Amino acid sequence: MKKLIITAALVGGGVTPTHAPNNPITPDDIATEAKRVEDAGAATVHIHPRNPKTGAPTTDTDVYREILQKIHDTTNLVICPTTGLARGVTAKERIAIVPLVEPEIASHDIGCIGGTREKIIERTKEWKYDWEKPYLESYKSECFITTQAEIEWMAKEMYKVDTKPEYELFDIGWINTLSYLKKNFDAFSTPPLWIQFVTGAFGKIPTSPEHIIHMKRTTDDLLGKDTYEWQVIGIGYPAQFHVAAMAMIMGGHCRVGLEDNLYMERGVFAKSNAEQVERIVKIAHELGREIATPDEAREILKLKGKDKVKL
C-alpha cells in the first residue's frame, strides 16, 4: 500500500464557538494548530476562515489569506483551502481564494446539501455570540447550493492555476456527477483525482462499513480504480476514528480534525486537532501503514509543489 496521507480539518464552517471550546479561531491560533498537526504526522490541512473577533464564518479574503500565509511560512504542509465556506455564500465568494493564492489543492463540493441543527439548538441554554443561533437555524431554511454551471465553472477556475480539486462526495449520486464531469471536461480529469467519501452528514450517506465499500465499488466502476486517490471522512464520534481505520485497511487515506468531530471519547472534548492526529498515527502503526510526509503526499497526488503557491 502507498503511504497514508493524513488530513487535519482544523475548524469548519458548521461548528459554532458555543459548542466547540477548543476550536481555533484567529489566524495565529489556526496557524499554530497547523504546526502542531504537522508535528503529529499530518501531511495536509483543510482550512475554513473565521472572523477573529466573533468566530463566525467569514468571506473576508484578507483574513483567509493571512491564515494561509502563516501556515505556508511556518510549515511544509499541503494547504487545502475550502471553497465551501458556509451557507448563504455565493459561488463567486467561495472560489475567490483560489485565483488569489493559487493553492496546490482546494475542496470542491459537487452537489447540494440540506440539513438541520434543531437538536443542538434545543439543548443549548446560553450562546457565546448572538450570531450563532440564527446561523444554525438557517441550516433548516437554506440549502448549501452548487448548481451544475457553478460546479463546472469553479473547477475550470482551479484548472487555470493548476490547483487540484479535492472532490467532496457526500452520496452515491455525487460519484455519478463526477463521472460525467471527468468524461466531458479537462478540468475534472487530471489524474489522480483526489476524492473524499464524506459519511454521516444529515440527509446523505450514513457511516458504516457497507456504505464505504459501496462508495468505493461505485467509484471504481464509474471512474476506474486506477484513476484516483481517496480518503474518508466520518462525521462525529466515534465514526471519525472507525472510518479512518477502515480506509487504512482498504488502501485509502483519512481525515480527522475538529471540523468533523469534537471528541476523543464520548463527552470528552479533544484538546486539539493534534491529539486526534496522534491517535490516527498510532492506529496506522498498529495496522502497518506508513505515514506520508507532506512532500510524499505531493508525490502521491501529483501536486504542483509548494513553491508554485502565490503566498
Protein backbone atom coordinates (compact mmCIF):
# COMPACT_ATOMS: atom_id res chain seq x y z
CA MET A 1 0.00 0.00 0.00
CA LYS A 2 1.00 3.60 -0.52
CA LYS A 3 1.92 5.66 2.49
CA LEU A 4 -1.03 7.06 4.40
CA ILE A 5 -1.97 10.70 3.83
CA ILE A 6 -3.48 12.18 6.97
CA THR A 7 -5.51 15.35 6.57
CA ALA A 8 -6.45 17.54 9.52
CA ALA A 9 -9.54 19.75 9.15
CA LEU A 10 -8.74 22.38 11.75
CA VAL A 11 -12.01 24.31 12.03
CA GLY A 12 -15.10 24.06 9.84
CA GLY A 13 -17.97 26.25 8.76
CA GLY A 14 -20.70 24.40 10.63
CA VAL A 15 -19.49 24.33 14.23
CA THR A 16 -20.08 27.35 16.45
CA PRO A 17 -17.90 28.55 19.36
CA THR A 18 -20.54 27.73 21.99
CA HIS A 19 -20.27 24.03 21.13
CA ALA A 20 -16.57 23.88 20.25
CA PRO A 21 -14.48 25.42 23.03
CA ASN A 22 -11.16 24.13 21.68
CA ASN A 23 -11.55 25.06 18.01
CA PRO A 24 -9.01 27.62 16.77
CA ILE A 25 -10.46 30.93 15.60
CA THR A 26 -7.82 33.60 14.93
CA PRO A 27 -5.21 33.35 12.14
CA ASP A 28 -2.49 32.86 14.75
CA ASP A 29 -4.42 30.10 16.51
CA ILE A 30 -5.22 28.29 13.26
CA ALA A 31 -1.59 28.50 12.13
CA THR A 32 -0.41 27.21 15.50
CA GLU A 33 -2.77 24.25 15.18
CA ALA A 34 -1.42 23.59 11.69
CA LYS A 35 2.13 23.37 13.01
CA ARG A 36 1.00 21.02 15.76
CA VAL A 37 -0.73 18.63 13.38
CA GLU A 38 2.29 18.62 11.08
CA ASP A 39 4.49 17.64 14.02
CA ALA A 40 1.95 14.94 14.94
CA GLY A 41 2.01 13.37 11.45
CA ALA A 42 -0.48 15.17 9.20
CA ALA A 43 0.52 15.88 5.60
CA THR A 44 -2.34 18.20 4.63
CA VAL A 45 -4.63 20.69 6.34
CA HIS A 46 -8.15 21.71 5.34
CA ILE A 47 -8.88 25.34 6.18
CA HIS A 48 -12.04 27.39 6.82
CA PRO A 49 -11.56 31.07 7.71
CA ARG A 50 -13.25 32.57 10.75
CA ASN A 51 -13.85 36.12 11.86
CA PRO A 52 -11.11 36.51 14.50
CA LYS A 53 -13.34 38.65 16.76
CA THR A 54 -16.60 36.66 16.71
CA GLY A 55 -15.64 33.21 15.47
CA ALA A 56 -18.24 33.41 12.69
CA PRO A 57 -17.53 32.00 9.22
CA THR A 58 -16.21 34.78 7.00
CA THR A 59 -15.74 35.51 3.30
CA ASP A 60 -13.05 38.13 4.01
CA THR A 61 -10.19 37.17 1.69
CA ASP A 62 -7.74 39.29 3.70
CA VAL A 63 -8.38 37.14 6.77
CA TYR A 64 -8.33 33.98 4.65
CA ARG A 65 -5.04 34.88 3.02
CA GLU A 66 -3.48 35.79 6.38
CA ILE A 67 -4.32 32.32 7.71
CA LEU A 68 -2.88 30.58 4.65
CA GLN A 69 0.21 32.81 4.65
CA LYS A 70 1.03 31.99 8.26
CA ILE A 71 0.67 28.25 7.65
CA HIS A 72 2.71 28.50 4.44
CA ASP A 73 5.51 30.33 6.26
CA THR A 74 5.71 28.05 9.31
CA THR A 75 5.06 24.55 7.90
CA ASN A 76 5.65 22.36 4.86
CA LEU A 77 2.03 21.18 4.85
CA VAL A 78 -0.10 20.82 1.76
CA ILE A 79 -2.73 23.52 2.37
CA CYS A 80 -6.28 22.90 1.17
CA PRO A 81 -8.47 25.99 1.45
CA THR A 82 -12.17 25.23 1.34
CA THR A 83 -14.37 26.59 -1.40
CA GLY A 84 -17.36 25.56 0.69
CA LEU A 85 -17.02 28.31 3.35
CA ALA A 86 -20.59 28.33 4.75
CA ARG A 87 -24.29 28.55 3.96
CA GLY A 88 -25.54 31.71 2.32
CA VAL A 89 -22.27 32.31 0.44
CA THR A 90 -22.21 32.64 -3.34
CA ALA A 91 -20.05 30.52 -5.63
CA LYS A 92 -18.12 33.65 -6.60
CA GLU A 93 -17.28 34.33 -2.95
CA ARG A 94 -16.40 30.68 -2.35
CA ILE A 95 -13.92 30.42 -5.24
CA ALA A 96 -12.30 33.84 -4.66
CA ILE A 97 -9.38 32.46 -2.65
CA VAL A 98 -8.25 30.16 -5.48
CA PRO A 99 -7.15 32.73 -8.10
CA LEU A 100 -5.79 34.87 -5.27
CA VAL A 101 -3.30 32.36 -3.83
CA GLU A 102 -3.30 29.51 -6.40
CA PRO A 103 -3.13 26.70 -3.81
CA GLU A 104 -1.93 23.16 -4.51
CA ILE A 105 -5.39 21.77 -3.78
CA ALA A 106 -8.81 23.20 -2.89
CA SER A 107 -12.01 21.48 -1.83
CA HIS A 108 -14.86 21.23 -4.33
CA ASP A 109 -18.42 20.27 -3.34
CA ILE A 110 -20.16 18.99 -6.47
CA GLY A 111 -23.71 18.89 -5.14
CA CYS A 112 -26.21 20.45 -2.74
CA ILE A 113 -26.54 19.87 0.99
CA GLY A 114 -29.55 20.42 3.22
CA GLY A 115 -29.80 19.71 6.92
CA THR A 116 -30.93 20.77 10.35
CA ARG A 117 -29.31 21.68 13.66
CA GLU A 118 -32.56 21.56 15.68
CA LYS A 119 -31.33 19.16 18.35
CA ILE A 120 -28.24 21.25 19.03
CA ILE A 121 -30.36 24.41 19.25
CA GLU A 122 -32.89 22.78 21.60
CA ARG A 123 -30.28 21.69 24.13
CA THR A 124 -28.38 24.98 24.17
CA LYS A 125 -29.34 27.28 27.06
CA GLU A 126 -26.75 30.03 26.58
CA TRP A 127 -24.94 31.26 23.48
CA LYS A 128 -21.49 32.76 23.37
CA TYR A 129 -22.32 35.01 20.38
CA ASP A 130 -25.60 36.42 19.05
CA TRP A 131 -24.95 35.19 15.50
CA GLU A 132 -24.77 31.51 16.42
CA LYS A 133 -28.43 30.56 16.92
CA PRO A 134 -29.73 32.26 13.73
CA TYR A 135 -26.85 30.72 11.79
CA LEU A 136 -27.69 27.21 12.98
CA GLU A 137 -31.40 27.82 12.34
CA SER A 138 -30.52 28.65 8.73
CA TYR A 139 -29.48 25.03 8.18
CA LYS A 140 -33.16 24.07 8.00
CA SER A 141 -34.33 27.04 5.93
CA GLU A 142 -31.40 27.32 3.50
CA CYS A 143 -29.59 24.78 1.32
CA PHE A 144 -25.91 24.77 0.51
CA ILE A 145 -26.32 25.02 -3.25
CA THR A 146 -23.86 24.46 -6.06
CA THR A 147 -25.55 24.40 -9.46
CA GLN A 148 -24.21 22.33 -12.33
CA ALA A 149 -22.98 25.50 -14.04
CA GLU A 150 -21.18 26.57 -10.85
CA ILE A 151 -19.64 23.12 -10.39
CA GLU A 152 -18.13 23.27 -13.86
CA TRP A 153 -17.07 26.92 -13.60
CA MET A 154 -15.36 26.50 -10.22
CA ALA A 155 -13.35 23.51 -11.44
CA LYS A 156 -12.26 25.45 -14.52
CA GLU A 157 -11.07 28.28 -12.28
CA MET A 158 -8.95 25.75 -10.37
CA TYR A 159 -7.66 24.23 -13.61
CA LYS A 160 -6.43 27.65 -14.81
CA VAL A 161 -3.99 27.91 -11.89
CA ASP A 162 -3.11 24.20 -11.65
CA THR A 163 -4.98 23.73 -8.37
CA LYS A 164 -6.14 20.13 -7.92
CA PRO A 165 -9.79 19.88 -6.84
CA GLU A 166 -10.43 17.84 -3.74
CA TYR A 167 -13.84 16.35 -4.53
CA GLU A 168 -16.13 16.05 -1.51
CA LEU A 169 -18.57 13.21 -2.28
CA PHE A 170 -21.46 13.12 0.19
CA ASP A 171 -23.54 10.48 -1.57
CA ILE A 172 -23.60 7.92 -4.37
CA GLY A 173 -25.19 10.32 -6.86
CA TRP A 174 -22.26 12.69 -6.49
CA ILE A 175 -19.99 9.96 -7.86
CA ASN A 176 -22.19 9.78 -10.95
CA THR A 177 -21.87 13.56 -11.34
CA LEU A 178 -18.08 13.32 -11.11
CA SER A 179 -18.06 10.52 -13.69
CA TYR A 180 -19.94 12.73 -16.14
CA LEU A 181 -17.59 15.65 -15.49
CA LYS A 182 -14.48 13.51 -15.85
CA LYS A 183 -15.61 12.31 -19.26
CA ASN A 184 -16.51 15.75 -20.60
CA PHE A 185 -14.14 18.34 -19.12
CA ASP A 186 -10.35 18.52 -18.88
CA ALA A 187 -10.64 20.38 -15.58
CA PHE A 188 -12.05 17.23 -13.96
CA SER A 189 -9.80 14.59 -15.47
CA THR A 190 -6.19 15.26 -14.41
CA PRO A 191 -5.02 12.05 -12.71
CA PRO A 192 -5.05 11.12 -10.00
CA LEU A 193 -8.36 12.59 -8.97
CA TRP A 194 -8.39 13.38 -5.24
CA ILE A 195 -11.64 12.18 -3.67
CA GLN A 196 -13.17 12.27 -0.21
CA PHE A 197 -16.03 9.98 0.76
CA VAL A 198 -17.96 12.03 3.33
CA THR A 199 -20.15 9.88 5.58
CA GLY A 200 -22.62 10.81 8.28
CA ALA A 201 -23.84 14.20 7.01
CA PHE A 202 -27.55 14.87 7.55
CA GLY A 203 -29.59 13.51 4.64
CA LYS A 204 -26.56 11.96 2.94
CA ILE A 205 -24.89 8.56 3.00
CA PRO A 206 -24.63 7.09 6.54
CA THR A 207 -21.44 5.96 8.19
CA SER A 208 -21.00 2.20 8.02
CA PRO A 209 -18.51 -0.28 6.54
CA GLU A 210 -21.11 -1.37 3.99
CA HIS A 211 -21.69 2.16 2.73
CA ILE A 212 -17.98 2.90 2.40
CA ILE A 213 -17.48 -0.31 0.41
CA HIS A 214 -20.47 0.65 -1.74
CA MET A 215 -19.00 4.10 -2.46
CA LYS A 216 -15.59 2.62 -3.26
CA ARG A 217 -17.02 -0.02 -5.62
CA THR A 218 -19.23 2.53 -7.35
CA THR A 219 -16.28 4.88 -7.83
CA ASP A 220 -14.17 2.03 -9.23
CA ASP A 221 -16.95 1.18 -11.69
CA LEU A 222 -17.65 4.75 -12.83
CA LEU A 223 -14.18 6.30 -12.75
CA GLY A 224 -11.77 3.37 -12.99
CA LYS A 225 -9.97 2.19 -9.88
CA ASP A 226 -6.54 3.36 -11.05
CA THR A 227 -7.63 6.94 -11.75
CA TYR A 228 -7.95 8.33 -8.22
CA GLU A 229 -6.73 8.51 -4.65
CA TRP A 230 -9.32 8.57 -1.88
CA GLN A 231 -9.82 9.33 1.75
CA VAL A 232 -12.76 9.02 4.13
CA ILE A 233 -14.44 11.48 6.48
CA GLY A 234 -16.61 10.18 9.29
CA ILE A 235 -18.63 12.94 10.92
CA GLY A 236 -18.86 12.75 14.70
CA TYR A 237 -17.54 10.41 17.38
CA PRO A 238 -16.70 7.52 17.13
CA ALA A 239 -17.32 7.49 13.36
CA GLN A 240 -14.24 9.60 12.63
CA PHE A 241 -11.83 7.01 14.03
CA HIS A 242 -13.76 3.96 12.79
CA VAL A 243 -13.81 5.02 9.13
CA ALA A 244 -10.18 6.14 9.31
CA ALA A 245 -9.15 2.65 10.38
CA MET A 246 -11.28 1.12 7.63
CA ALA A 247 -9.73 3.37 4.99
CA MET A 248 -6.25 2.37 6.16
CA ILE A 249 -7.10 -1.31 5.75
CA MET A 250 -8.59 -0.73 2.28
CA GLY A 251 -5.62 1.28 1.00
CA GLY A 252 -7.22 4.71 1.25
CA HIS A 253 -6.32 7.79 3.26
CA CYS A 254 -8.08 9.55 6.13
CA ARG A 255 -9.13 12.89 7.56
CA VAL A 256 -9.56 13.87 11.17
CA GLY A 257 -9.89 17.22 12.92
CA LEU A 258 -12.23 19.41 14.91
CA GLU A 259 -14.29 20.37 11.87
CA ASP A 260 -15.72 16.85 11.73
CA ASN A 261 -15.57 15.62 15.32
CA LEU A 262 -15.04 17.45 18.61
CA TYR A 263 -14.35 14.44 20.82
CA MET A 264 -11.71 11.91 21.81
CA GLU A 265 -14.11 9.91 23.95
CA ARG A 266 -17.85 10.29 24.38
CA GLY A 267 -18.34 13.54 26.29
CA VAL A 268 -14.60 14.30 26.37
CA PHE A 269 -13.52 17.13 24.08
CA ALA A 270 -10.34 16.74 22.07
CA LYS A 271 -7.87 19.27 23.39
CA SER A 272 -6.57 19.96 19.89
CA ASN A 273 -6.53 18.72 16.32
CA ALA A 274 -3.08 17.28 17.00
CA GLU A 275 -4.49 14.95 19.65
CA GLN A 276 -6.73 13.37 17.01
CA VAL A 277 -3.85 13.09 14.52
CA GLU A 278 -1.73 11.38 17.15
CA ARG A 279 -4.43 8.74 17.68
CA ILE A 280 -4.64 8.09 13.93
CA VAL A 281 -0.87 7.71 13.70
CA LYS A 282 -0.98 5.10 16.47
CA ILE A 283 -3.75 3.17 14.69
CA ALA A 284 -1.83 3.35 11.41
CA HIS A 285 1.32 1.94 13.02
CA GLU A 286 -0.67 -0.92 14.53
CA LEU A 287 -2.12 -1.69 11.08
CA GLY A 288 1.21 -1.46 9.28
CA ARG A 289 0.57 1.71 7.28
CA GLU A 290 3.49 4.09 6.98
CA ILE A 291 2.72 7.79 7.29
CA ALA A 292 3.27 10.11 4.32
CA THR A 293 5.18 13.34 4.81
CA PRO A 294 3.85 16.47 3.10
CA ASP A 295 6.30 16.02 0.22
CA GLU A 296 5.37 12.35 -0.14
CA ALA A 297 1.70 13.38 -0.25
CA ARG A 298 2.58 15.84 -3.03
CA GLU A 299 4.15 13.00 -5.00
CA ILE A 300 1.22 10.63 -4.43
CA LEU A 301 -1.29 13.27 -5.55
CA LYS A 302 0.95 14.72 -8.31
CA LEU A 303 0.68 18.28 -7.00
CA LYS A 304 2.45 21.28 -8.50
CA GLY A 305 4.51 21.98 -5.36
CA LYS A 306 4.60 24.48 -2.52
CA ASP A 307 6.84 26.85 -4.47
CA LYS A 308 4.09 27.36 -7.06
CA VAL A 309 1.62 28.72 -4.48
CA LYS A 310 1.18 32.51 -4.51
CA LEU A 311 1.99 33.08 -0.85
